[in-house]
Amino acid sequence: MNSLTIQLPDEKLQKLQQLAKEKGITTEELIETKINEWLTHNPQEFPEVANYVVNKNADLYKRLA
């Protein structure tokens, strides 16, 4: 297994640590879980997300047209 080092502002690290503590897991487990979610993302969700963005920004798109 490989490791990855990233730099985060103290504020973000504290938020991650607090969230992990609330879930009863380590910060590393929290981050690994989220990365696994991203890597196994269901592509069928894309149309739903795209429709949400289009509907949310409909007025802006009309003004830009």
Protein backbone atom coordinates (compact mmCIF):
# COMPACT_ATOMS: atom_id res chain seq x y z
CA MET A 1 0.00 0.00 0.00
CA ASN A 2 1.22 3.50 -0.80
CA SER A 3 0.94 6.61 1.31
CA LEU A 4 0.05 10.15 0.34
CA THR A 5 1.01 13.34 2.12
CA ILE A 6 -1.01 16.51 1.69
CA GLN A 7 -0.82 19.92 3.30
CA LEU A 8 -3.95 21.38 4.85
CA PRO A 9 -4.56 24.59 6.71
CA ASP A 10 -4.88 23.97 10.45
CA GLU A 11 -8.56 24.94 10.31
CA LYS A 12 -9.40 22.24 7.77
CA LEU A 13 -7.42 19.59 9.61
CA GLN A 14 -9.25 20.43 12.83
CA LYS A 15 -12.60 20.09 11.05
CA LEU A 16 -11.59 16.70 9.65
CA GLN A 17 -10.39 15.54 13.06
CA GLN A 18 -13.61 16.67 14.72
CA LEU A 19 -15.76 14.95 12.10
CA ALA A 20 -13.76 11.74 12.46
CA LYS A 21 -14.07 11.92 16.26
CA GLU A 22 -17.86 12.35 15.96
CA LYS A 23 -18.00 9.24 13.76
CA GLY A 24 -15.73 7.28 16.09
CA ILE A 25 -13.03 6.69 13.48
CA THR A 26 -9.55 8.00 12.79
CA THR A 27 -8.95 10.94 10.50
CA GLU A 28 -7.20 8.59 8.09
CA GLU A 29 -10.22 6.26 8.00
CA LEU A 30 -12.51 9.21 7.32
CA ILE A 31 -10.42 10.40 4.40
CA GLU A 32 -9.99 6.89 2.99
CA THR A 33 -13.75 6.32 3.17
CA LYS A 34 -14.44 9.50 1.22
CA ILE A 35 -11.83 8.67 -1.40
CA ASN A 36 -13.42 5.23 -1.84
CA GLU A 37 -16.79 6.92 -2.35
CA TRP A 38 -15.30 9.15 -5.05
CA LEU A 39 -13.64 6.24 -6.80
CA THR A 40 -16.78 4.10 -6.80
CA HIS A 41 -19.08 6.97 -7.75
CA ASN A 42 -22.16 5.79 -9.58
CA PRO A 43 -22.11 7.39 -13.08
CA GLN A 44 -25.91 7.05 -13.22
CA GLU A 45 -26.11 9.89 -10.69
CA PHE A 46 -24.66 12.34 -13.23
CA PRO A 47 -27.93 13.11 -15.06
CA GLU A 48 -29.62 13.82 -11.73
CA VAL A 49 -26.85 16.18 -10.67
CA ALA A 50 -26.74 17.83 -14.09
CA ASN A 51 -30.49 18.45 -14.04
CA TYR A 52 -30.21 19.99 -10.59
CA VAL A 53 -27.50 22.40 -11.75
CA VAL A 54 -29.38 23.35 -14.91
CA ASN A 55 -32.62 23.98 -13.01
CA LYS A 56 -30.85 25.87 -10.24
CA ASN A 57 -29.17 28.20 -12.74
CA ALA A 58 -32.03 28.50 -15.25
CA ASP A 59 -32.51 32.24 -14.69
CA LEU A 60 -28.82 32.91 -15.13
CA TYR A 61 -28.72 30.92 -18.36
CA LYS A 62 -31.71 32.89 -19.71
CA ARG A 63 -29.98 36.19 -18.95
CA LEU A 64 -26.80 35.01 -20.63
CA ALA A 65 -28.57 33.81 -23.77
